[in-house]
C-alpha atoms as a PDB file:
ATOM      1  CA  MET A   1      24.838  -4.869   5.359  1.00  0.00           C
ATOM      2  CA  ALA A   2      23.470  -5.515   1.908  1.00  0.00           C
ATOM      3  CA  ASN A   3      20.749  -2.961   0.766  1.00  0.00           C
ATOM      4  CA  HIS A   4      17.963  -5.738   0.739  1.00  0.00           C
ATOM      5  CA  ASN A   5      18.768  -6.759   4.285  1.00  0.00           C
ATOM      6  CA  LYS A   6      18.531  -2.930   5.249  1.00  0.00           C
ATOM      7  CA  THR A   7      15.061  -2.868   3.727  1.00  0.00           C
ATOM      8  CA  GLY A   8      14.129  -5.867   5.458  1.00  0.00           C
ATOM      9  CA  LYS A   9      15.046  -4.658   8.934  1.00  0.00           C
ATOM     10  CA  GLN A  10      13.468  -1.438   8.171  1.00  0.00           C
ATOM     11  CA  GLY A  11      10.120  -3.189   7.142  1.00  0.00           C
ATOM     12  CA  GLU A  12      10.227  -5.313  10.618  1.00  0.00           C
ATOM     13  CA  LEU A  13      10.474  -2.159  12.705  1.00  0.00           C
ATOM     14  CA  LEU A  14       7.643  -0.593  10.579  1.00  0.00           C
ATOM     15  CA  ALA A  15       5.690  -3.900  11.081  1.00  0.00           C
ATOM     16  CA  VAL A  16       5.981  -3.903  14.794  1.00  0.00           C
ATOM     17  CA  ASN A  17       4.472  -0.088  14.885  1.00  0.00           C
ATOM     18  CA  TYR A  18       1.752  -1.104  12.364  1.00  0.00           C
ATOM     19  CA  LEU A  19       0.642  -4.199  14.153  1.00  0.00           C
ATOM     20  CA  THR A  20       0.624  -2.637  17.467  1.00  0.00           C
ATOM     21  CA  ASP A  21      -1.443   0.263  16.003  1.00  0.00           C
ATOM     22  CA  GLN A  22      -3.789  -2.487  14.923  1.00  0.00           C
ATOM     23  CA  GLY A  23      -4.219  -3.915  18.431  1.00  0.00           C
ATOM     24  CA  PHE A  24      -1.564  -6.745  18.348  1.00  0.00           C
ATOM     25  CA  SER A  25       0.582  -7.340  21.349  1.00  0.00           C
ATOM     26  CA  ILE A  26       3.980  -8.303  20.231  1.00  0.00           C
ATOM     27  CA  LEU A  27       5.577 -10.969  21.849  1.00  0.00           C
ATOM     28  CA  HIS A  28       8.686 -11.892  19.943  1.00  0.00           C
ATOM     29  CA  THR A  29      10.423 -10.569  16.931  1.00  0.00           C
ATOM     30  CA  ASN A  30      12.945 -12.737  14.945  1.00  0.00           C
ATOM     31  CA  TRP A  31      12.273 -15.776  16.948  1.00  0.00           C
ATOM     32  CA  ARG A  32      14.498 -18.581  15.908  1.00  0.00           C
ATOM     33  CA  TYR A  33      14.353 -22.338  15.964  1.00  0.00           C
ATOM     34  CA  SER A  34      17.207 -24.273  14.406  1.00  0.00           C
ATOM     35  CA  ARG A  35      17.615 -22.650  10.934  1.00  0.00           C
ATOM     36  CA  TYR A  36      14.017 -21.307  10.745  1.00  0.00           C
ATOM     37  CA  GLU A  37      12.929 -17.761  11.938  1.00  0.00           C
ATOM     38  CA  ILE A  38       9.493 -16.339  12.548  1.00  0.00           C
ATOM     39  CA  ASP A  39       9.571 -12.654  11.791  1.00  0.00           C
ATOM     40  CA  ILE A  40       6.889 -11.797  14.487  1.00  0.00           C
ATOM     41  CA  ILE A  41       4.904 -13.489  17.085  1.00  0.00           C
ATOM     42  CA  ALA A  42       1.794 -11.558  18.261  1.00  0.00           C
ATOM     43  CA  GLU A  43      -1.312 -11.981  20.037  1.00  0.00           C
ATOM     44  CA  ARG A  44      -4.705 -10.394  19.559  1.00  0.00           C
ATOM     45  CA  ASN A  45      -7.990 -11.411  20.787  1.00  0.00           C
ATOM     46  CA  LYS A  46      -6.687 -14.738  22.401  1.00  0.00           C
ATOM     47  CA  ILE A  47      -5.275 -15.846  18.790  1.00  0.00           C
ATOM     48  CA  LEU A  48      -1.536 -16.290  18.630  1.00  0.00           C
ATOM     49  CA  HIS A  49      -0.347 -14.895  15.158  1.00  0.00           C
ATOM     50  CA  PHE A  50       2.841 -16.152  13.414  1.00  0.00           C
ATOM     51  CA  ILE A  51       3.487 -13.210  10.950  1.00  0.00           C
ATOM     52  CA  GLU A  52       5.768 -13.340   7.976  1.00  0.00           C
ATOM     53  CA  VAL A  53       7.073  -9.708   6.879  1.00  0.00           C
ATOM     54  CA  LYS A  54       7.952  -8.997   3.500  1.00  0.00           C
ATOM     55  CA  THR A  55       9.263  -5.473   2.500  1.00  0.00           C
ATOM     56  CA  ARG A  56       9.954  -3.959  -1.017  1.00  0.00           C
ATOM     57  CA  ARG A  57      10.883  -0.492  -2.249  1.00  0.00           C
ATOM     58  CA  SER A  58       9.382  -1.307  -5.702  1.00  0.00           C
ATOM     59  CA  ASP A  59       7.429  -3.576  -7.711  1.00  0.00           C
ATOM     60  CA  ARG A  60      10.099  -4.332 -10.063  1.00  0.00           C
ATOM     61  CA  TYR A  61      10.455  -7.863  -8.898  1.00  0.00           C
ATOM     62  CA  GLY A  62       6.543  -8.270  -7.966  1.00  0.00           C
ATOM     63  CA  LEU A  63       4.593  -7.237  -4.969  1.00  0.00           C
ATOM     64  CA  PRO A  64       6.120  -8.188  -1.475  1.00  0.00           C
ATOM     65  CA  GLU A  65       3.487 -10.657  -0.718  1.00  0.00           C
ATOM     66  CA  GLU A  66       4.036 -12.600  -3.794  1.00  0.00           C
ATOM     67  CA  SER A  67       7.509 -13.508  -2.609  1.00  0.00           C
ATOM     68  CA  VAL A  68       6.091 -15.646   0.447  1.00  0.00           C
ATOM     69  CA  THR A  69       6.334 -19.286  -1.184  1.00  0.00           C
ATOM     70  CA  ALA A  70       4.919 -22.545  -0.014  1.00  0.00           C
ATOM     71  CA  LYS A  71       8.534 -23.420   1.054  1.00  0.00           C
ATOM     72  CA  LYS A  72       8.666 -20.416   3.212  1.00  0.00           C
ATOM     73  CA  PHE A  73       5.192 -21.241   4.875  1.00  0.00           C
ATOM     74  CA  GLU A  74       6.612 -24.660   5.555  1.00  0.00           C
ATOM     75  CA  ASN A  75       9.557 -23.444   7.406  1.00  0.00           C
ATOM     76  CA  LEU A  76       7.211 -20.937   9.166  1.00  0.00           C
ATOM     77  CA  SER A  77       5.044 -23.898  10.135  1.00  0.00           C
ATOM     78  CA  LYS A  78       8.237 -25.840  11.495  1.00  0.00           C
ATOM     79  CA  ALA A  79       9.308 -22.960  13.545  1.00  0.00           C
ATOM     80  CA  ALA A  80       5.725 -22.408  14.942  1.00  0.00           C
ATOM     81  CA  GLU A  81       5.298 -26.135  15.891  1.00  0.00           C
ATOM     82  CA  ALA A  82       8.481 -25.735  18.080  1.00  0.00           C
ATOM     83  CA  PHE A  83       7.432 -22.467  19.560  1.00  0.00           C
ATOM     84  CA  LEU A  84       4.019 -24.200  20.459  1.00  0.00           C
ATOM     85  CA  GLU A  85       5.978 -26.912  22.105  1.00  0.00           C
ATOM     86  CA  GLU A  86       8.013 -24.585  24.416  1.00  0.00           C
ATOM     87  CA  ASN A  87       4.713 -22.445  24.923  1.00  0.00           C
ATOM     88  CA  PRO A  88       1.831 -24.552  25.097  1.00  0.00           C
ATOM     89  CA  GLY A  89      -1.607 -23.446  26.148  1.00  0.00           C
ATOM     90  CA  TRP A  90      -2.774 -21.472  22.856  1.00  0.00           C
ATOM     91  CA  ASN A  91      -6.224 -22.782  21.617  1.00  0.00           C
ATOM     92  CA  ARG A  92      -6.227 -20.704  18.379  1.00  0.00           C
ATOM     93  CA  ILE A  93      -3.275 -19.777  15.948  1.00  0.00           C
ATOM     94  CA  GLN A  94      -2.955 -18.489  12.539  1.00  0.00           C
ATOM     95  CA  TYR A  95      -0.452 -17.461   9.990  1.00  0.00           C
ATOM     96  CA  ASP A  96      -0.315 -14.123   8.614  1.00  0.00           C
ATOM     97  CA  THR A  97       1.697 -12.175   6.007  1.00  0.00           C
ATOM     98  CA  LEU A  98       2.297  -8.568   6.338  1.00  0.00           C
ATOM     99  CA  ALA A  99       3.463  -6.925   2.951  1.00  0.00           C
ATOM    100  CA  ILE A 100       4.985  -3.553   3.119  1.00  0.00           C
ATOM    101  CA  MET A 101       5.776  -1.295   0.134  1.00  0.00           C
ATOM    102  CA  LEU A 102       8.139   1.557   0.982  1.00  0.00           C
ATOM    103  CA  LYS A 103       7.275   4.770  -0.949  1.00  0.00           C
ATOM    104  CA  PRO A 104       8.710   8.107  -0.957  1.00  0.00           C
ATOM    105  CA  GLY A 105       5.807   9.540   0.868  1.00  0.00           C
ATOM    106  CA  GLY A 106       5.945   6.602   3.499  1.00  0.00           C
ATOM    107  CA  ALA A 107       4.850   2.913   3.708  1.00  0.00           C
ATOM    108  CA  GLU A 108       1.818   1.060   2.286  1.00  0.00           C
ATOM    109  CA  TYR A 109       0.705  -2.036   4.369  1.00  0.00           C
ATOM    110  CA  PHE A 110      -1.253  -5.011   3.203  1.00  0.00           C
ATOM    111  CA  LEU A 111      -2.161  -7.624   6.180  1.00  0.00           C
ATOM    112  CA  ILE A 112      -3.150 -11.034   4.777  1.00  0.00           C
ATOM    113  CA  GLU A 113      -4.655 -12.753   7.734  1.00  0.00           C
ATOM    114  CA  ASP A 114      -5.228 -16.551   8.247  1.00  0.00           C
ATOM    115  CA  VAL A 115      -3.175 -17.679   5.317  1.00  0.00           C
ATOM    116  CA  ALA A 116      -3.799 -21.383   4.632  1.00  0.00           C
ATOM    117  CA  LEU A 117      -0.674 -23.468   4.595  1.00  0.00           C
END
């Protein structure tokens, strides 16, 4: 497995723990529809969250949250629409980004909630 894939997998495991600590109930991880994937689908306070997780080991190529492009959110939206067709009944949804920076002493988390598409 390539190093960036290992970093991504490590970040997704850390994300589940972090989000659970923040009061989220994790419903799905790596939910797939066609060629699209949602890193984490979670619920908190009767709101369904579609969460994109980005993890980096350094800021050499920018902060993790800076790598979430409009195209990425377009793909996330397509997958979310498919999820909602299969799982109707949610009145409120939102799109979030969880940026994780891995540091020698631990991880730093930056949750950006309700990202506009």
